[in-house]
Amino acid sequence: MLGYSARKARAQWEYHNRFLASGARLRFRSHSAHGRPFTSGMEQVYRAHRRDPRIGYVVKNLATGRYLAEFQADKLFVGGSMPKPAVAAVLLEKRRGNLTRDEFQHVVYACDKSLNASWFYLLARINQADERSFEWKYNLPNVEIINNWQSPRFYAEFYERCVNYRLDHGCELLLEAMRRDQYGLGRWVMPASITYIGGKTGNYGEWDHESLFFYHRGTPYAIVLYTRGHFAPGNQLGCMMGGLFRDYCA
């Protein structure tokens, strides 16, 4: 099996010689966490709701594989836009990284600005057999990526495969696209010293979700939070993400 450095080098070669060579381009710059104050009011929201039955979350050290916190980690939630990077990963695996320029560009559109039209474009190119093969090959939890049912544990494991370059195809592209995600509240209250940070959000009706992968003091982490029942009409997602970071990563 290839070591980390060799896996990363392979992914970067693919990124330059397939994605960039296709003429497709990333649209936004990656950005750091913002370092806004985590207020006492935000702390109160976090403490009041960290065992709320409407939510599920995990915090994982992506270097060691250890789960630092989990609550209803295997509960299935309607993902909203959350599965878009995983859908892209299934297509990249199916095509062994050989996408057309338009397909590569739709991967970017789905991951960085969460365009639904690009998501549907990618979905039309994969099927459930492709999904099952992808989950089995990479030892991921058996969820319904295409049908939009995922768990917090699934996305933490997916981020681990990406950050550690364990997917055979598309890792560098997915990481760079998700680092340019235009949404999310958790990064606002994480320290500005975190310069490597990315993730995906999702919302649809009663469902609101946020997830991040990042390096803090040289260690990679993932925090994944799913909610239902109109849990987050305000800044509850930011409060929960900031509280989990402070308790388990800081």
Protein backbone atom coordinates (compact mmCIF):
# COMPACT_ATOMS: atom_id res chain seq x y z
CA MET A 1 0.00 0.00 0.00
CA LEU A 2 1.19 3.52 -0.76
CA GLY A 3 2.21 5.76 2.12
CA TYR A 4 0.73 9.19 2.75
CA SER A 5 3.37 11.13 0.77
CA ALA A 6 3.01 8.89 -2.25
CA ARG A 7 -0.80 9.06 -2.11
CA LYS A 8 -0.68 12.85 -1.91
CA ALA A 9 1.78 13.09 -4.79
CA ARG A 10 -0.44 10.85 -6.91
CA ALA A 11 -3.50 12.99 -6.12
CA GLN A 12 -1.67 16.20 -6.96
CA TRP A 13 -0.45 14.75 -10.25
CA GLU A 14 -4.03 13.84 -11.12
CA TYR A 15 -5.24 17.32 -10.10
CA HIS A 16 -2.78 19.08 -12.41
CA ASN A 17 -2.85 16.64 -15.31
CA ARG A 18 -6.56 15.93 -15.43
CA PHE A 19 -8.57 18.63 -13.67
CA LEU A 20 -6.45 21.69 -14.52
CA ALA A 21 -5.46 20.29 -17.90
CA SER A 22 -9.16 19.95 -18.79
CA GLY A 23 -9.63 23.73 -18.67
CA ALA A 24 -11.99 23.60 -15.68
CA ARG A 25 -11.17 26.02 -12.88
CA LEU A 26 -11.92 26.68 -9.23
CA ARG A 27 -13.89 29.91 -8.84
CA PHE A 28 -13.15 31.27 -5.36
CA ARG A 29 -10.15 31.57 -3.07
CA SER A 30 -9.77 29.35 -0.04
CA HIS A 31 -10.05 31.25 3.22
CA SER A 32 -9.05 30.89 6.86
CA ALA A 33 -11.25 30.64 9.92
CA HIS A 34 -12.35 34.10 11.03
CA GLY A 35 -11.65 34.17 14.77
CA ARG A 36 -14.72 36.04 15.96
CA PRO A 37 -15.40 35.88 19.72
CA PHE A 38 -17.27 32.87 21.05
CA THR A 39 -19.61 34.69 23.41
CA SER A 40 -21.16 33.54 26.68
CA GLY A 41 -24.54 33.49 24.92
CA MET A 42 -23.19 31.11 22.29
CA GLU A 43 -21.73 28.94 25.03
CA GLN A 44 -25.15 28.78 26.71
CA VAL A 45 -26.82 27.67 23.48
CA TYR A 46 -24.21 24.95 23.04
CA ARG A 47 -24.48 23.67 26.61
CA ALA A 48 -28.29 23.67 26.46
CA HIS A 49 -28.50 21.66 23.22
CA ARG A 50 -25.53 19.31 22.97
CA ARG A 51 -27.80 16.39 23.91
CA ASP A 52 -30.85 17.63 22.03
CA PRO A 53 -32.63 14.60 20.47
CA ARG A 54 -33.00 16.51 17.19
CA ILE A 55 -29.27 16.52 16.48
CA GLY A 56 -26.39 14.16 15.79
CA TYR A 57 -22.69 14.94 15.68
CA VAL A 58 -19.15 13.62 15.75
CA VAL A 59 -15.74 15.12 16.36
CA LYS A 60 -12.90 13.03 14.94
CA ASN A 61 -9.11 13.27 15.02
CA LEU A 62 -8.31 12.49 11.38
CA ALA A 63 -4.67 11.64 12.12
CA THR A 64 -5.34 8.95 14.72
CA GLY A 65 -8.85 7.93 13.63
CA ARG A 66 -10.09 8.44 17.18
CA TYR A 67 -13.58 9.78 17.79
CA LEU A 68 -13.31 12.52 20.40
CA ALA A 69 -17.07 13.03 20.74
CA GLU A 70 -20.17 11.49 19.26
CA PHE A 71 -23.90 11.80 19.80
CA GLN A 72 -26.42 9.91 17.66
CA ALA A 73 -23.54 9.45 15.23
CA ASP A 74 -25.23 6.74 13.18
CA LYS A 75 -28.67 8.33 13.02
CA LEU A 76 -29.76 9.00 9.43
CA PHE A 77 -30.75 12.51 8.40
CA VAL A 78 -32.02 14.00 5.15
CA GLY A 79 -28.85 15.64 3.92
CA GLY A 80 -30.07 18.65 1.96
CA SER A 81 -26.94 19.66 0.05
CA MET A 82 -24.52 17.70 2.22
CA PRO A 83 -24.01 14.74 -0.16
CA LYS A 84 -22.79 16.85 -3.09
CA PRO A 85 -19.03 16.23 -2.53
CA ALA A 86 -19.68 12.52 -1.97
CA VAL A 87 -21.71 12.33 -5.19
CA ALA A 88 -18.76 13.94 -6.98
CA ALA A 89 -16.41 11.42 -5.38
CA VAL A 90 -18.54 8.50 -6.61
CA LEU A 91 -18.37 9.83 -10.17
CA LEU A 92 -14.61 10.42 -9.95
CA GLU A 93 -14.16 6.85 -8.75
CA LYS A 94 -16.42 5.45 -11.48
CA ARG A 95 -14.46 7.28 -14.20
CA ARG A 96 -11.05 6.72 -12.56
CA GLY A 97 -10.54 10.47 -12.49
CA ASN A 98 -11.16 10.94 -16.22
CA LEU A 99 -13.97 13.47 -16.33
CA THR A 100 -14.78 15.86 -19.13
CA ARG A 101 -14.18 19.58 -18.68
CA ASP A 102 -17.91 20.13 -18.10
CA GLU A 103 -18.07 17.33 -15.53
CA PHE A 104 -15.07 18.70 -13.66
CA GLN A 105 -16.63 22.16 -13.67
CA HIS A 106 -19.90 20.81 -12.28
CA VAL A 107 -17.95 19.14 -9.46
CA VAL A 108 -16.62 22.60 -8.57
CA TYR A 109 -20.04 24.23 -8.84
CA ALA A 110 -21.60 21.56 -6.61
CA CYS A 111 -18.92 21.82 -3.92
CA ASP A 112 -18.05 25.50 -3.72
CA LYS A 113 -21.39 27.26 -4.20
CA SER A 114 -23.66 24.23 -3.83
CA LEU A 115 -25.48 24.69 -7.13
CA ASN A 116 -28.39 22.26 -7.37
CA ALA A 117 -28.29 22.11 -11.16
CA SER A 118 -24.71 20.79 -10.96
CA TRP A 119 -25.71 18.25 -8.31
CA PHE A 120 -28.46 16.91 -10.59
CA TYR A 121 -25.98 16.85 -13.49
CA LEU A 122 -23.62 14.64 -11.45
CA LEU A 123 -26.42 12.44 -10.11
CA ALA A 124 -27.50 11.62 -13.67
CA ARG A 125 -24.07 10.03 -14.26
CA ILE A 126 -24.01 7.56 -11.35
CA ASN A 127 -26.27 4.81 -10.04
CA GLN A 128 -26.79 2.86 -6.84
CA ALA A 129 -24.35 0.14 -7.92
CA ASP A 130 -21.66 2.83 -8.25
CA GLU A 131 -22.54 4.11 -4.78
CA ARG A 132 -22.41 0.65 -3.18
CA SER A 133 -19.08 -0.09 -4.84
CA PHE A 134 -17.65 3.22 -3.59
CA GLU A 135 -18.80 2.66 0.01
CA TRP A 136 -17.51 -0.93 0.03
CA LYS A 137 -14.12 -0.11 -1.50
CA TYR A 138 -13.40 2.67 0.99
CA ASN A 139 -15.03 0.99 4.01
CA LEU A 140 -17.55 3.78 4.47
CA PRO A 141 -20.82 3.46 6.41
CA ASN A 142 -23.64 2.07 4.29
CA VAL A 143 -25.84 5.14 3.80
CA GLU A 144 -27.90 6.35 0.84
CA ILE A 145 -25.78 9.01 -0.83
CA ILE A 146 -27.92 9.23 -3.94
CA ASN A 147 -31.21 9.13 -2.03
CA ASN A 148 -29.88 11.82 0.35
CA TRP A 149 -29.78 9.96 3.68
CA GLN A 150 -26.50 10.23 5.59
CA SER A 151 -25.18 10.05 9.14
CA PRO A 152 -22.63 12.19 11.00
CA ARG A 153 -20.26 9.23 11.05
CA PHE A 154 -20.45 8.81 7.28
CA TYR A 155 -19.24 12.34 6.60
CA ALA A 156 -16.49 12.21 9.23
CA GLU A 157 -15.22 9.03 7.58
CA PHE A 158 -15.53 10.59 4.12
CA TYR A 159 -13.47 13.59 5.25
CA GLU A 160 -10.86 11.24 6.70
CA ARG A 161 -10.51 9.50 3.34
CA CYS A 162 -10.11 12.86 1.59
CA VAL A 163 -7.70 14.53 4.04
CA ASN A 164 -5.47 11.45 4.17
CA TYR A 165 -5.60 10.95 0.39
CA ARG A 166 -7.14 7.50 0.68
CA LEU A 167 -9.47 7.88 -2.30
CA ASP A 168 -7.82 6.69 -5.50
CA HIS A 169 -9.29 9.53 -7.53
CA GLY A 170 -10.22 13.16 -6.96
CA CYS A 171 -8.85 13.81 -3.46
CA GLU A 172 -6.96 16.99 -4.28
CA LEU A 173 -9.83 18.39 -6.34
CA LEU A 174 -12.42 17.63 -3.65
CA LEU A 175 -10.27 19.12 -0.90
CA GLU A 176 -9.61 22.30 -2.87
CA ALA A 177 -13.24 22.67 -3.94
CA MET A 178 -14.55 22.18 -0.39
CA ARG A 179 -12.01 24.69 0.95
CA ARG A 180 -13.77 27.23 -1.26
CA ASP A 181 -17.24 26.48 0.08
CA GLN A 182 -19.12 29.78 0.33
CA TYR A 183 -21.34 28.93 3.29
CA GLY A 184 -21.06 27.82 6.90
CA LEU A 185 -21.14 29.38 10.36
CA GLY A 186 -18.65 27.35 12.38
CA ARG A 187 -15.54 28.79 10.74
CA TRP A 188 -16.55 32.26 11.96
CA VAL A 189 -15.84 31.41 15.62
CA MET A 190 -12.78 29.22 15.14
CA PRO A 191 -9.33 30.78 15.62
CA ALA A 192 -7.99 32.81 12.72
CA SER A 193 -4.78 30.77 13.05
CA ILE A 194 -6.64 27.94 11.28
CA THR A 195 -5.68 28.56 7.67
CA TYR A 196 -6.58 25.12 6.26
CA ILE A 197 -10.34 24.66 6.61
CA GLY A 198 -13.13 23.42 4.40
CA GLY A 199 -16.41 21.60 4.52
CA LYS A 200 -20.01 21.43 3.38
CA THR A 201 -23.38 22.62 4.62
CA GLY A 202 -26.90 21.48 3.90
CA ASN A 203 -30.41 22.75 4.46
CA TYR A 204 -33.84 21.71 3.30
CA GLY A 205 -37.09 22.34 5.12
CA GLU A 206 -36.67 21.20 8.71
CA TRP A 207 -33.09 19.96 8.13
CA ASP A 208 -29.96 22.10 8.73
CA HIS A 209 -26.42 20.74 8.79
CA GLU A 210 -22.81 21.86 8.93
CA SER A 211 -19.50 20.06 8.67
CA LEU A 212 -15.85 21.09 8.66
CA PHE A 213 -12.44 19.54 8.22
CA PHE A 214 -9.42 21.56 9.31
CA TYR A 215 -5.90 21.55 10.73
CA HIS A 216 -5.44 22.96 14.22
CA ARG A 217 -1.89 23.06 15.62
CA GLY A 218 -0.81 20.58 12.97
CA THR A 219 -3.55 18.03 13.65
CA PRO A 220 -6.40 17.38 11.22
CA TYR A 221 -9.94 17.18 12.64
CA ALA A 222 -13.48 16.84 11.40
CA ILE A 223 -16.63 18.14 13.07
CA VAL A 224 -19.92 17.01 11.53
CA LEU A 225 -23.32 18.20 12.78
CA TYR A 226 -26.72 17.13 11.44
CA THR A 227 -30.03 18.48 12.75
CA ARG A 228 -33.74 18.07 12.14
CA GLY A 229 -37.02 19.51 13.44
CA HIS A 230 -36.18 23.13 12.65
CA PHE A 231 -33.39 23.06 15.24
CA ALA A 232 -31.50 25.97 13.72
CA PRO A 233 -33.60 29.04 12.83
CA GLY A 234 -30.76 31.31 13.98
CA ASN A 235 -27.07 30.82 14.79
CA GLN A 236 -27.48 27.49 16.58
CA LEU A 237 -25.23 25.75 14.06
CA GLY A 238 -22.40 28.20 14.70
CA CYS A 239 -22.85 27.85 18.46
CA MET A 240 -22.73 24.06 18.28
CA MET A 241 -19.73 23.95 15.96
CA GLY A 242 -17.81 26.46 18.06
CA GLY A 243 -18.67 24.66 21.30
CA LEU A 244 -17.60 21.27 19.95
CA PHE A 245 -14.33 22.78 18.72
CA ARG A 246 -13.61 24.36 22.10
CA ASP A 247 -14.44 21.22 24.07
CA TYR A 248 -12.65 18.64 21.92
CA CYS A 249 -10.11 20.29 19.60
CA ALA A 250 -8.82 23.48 21.25
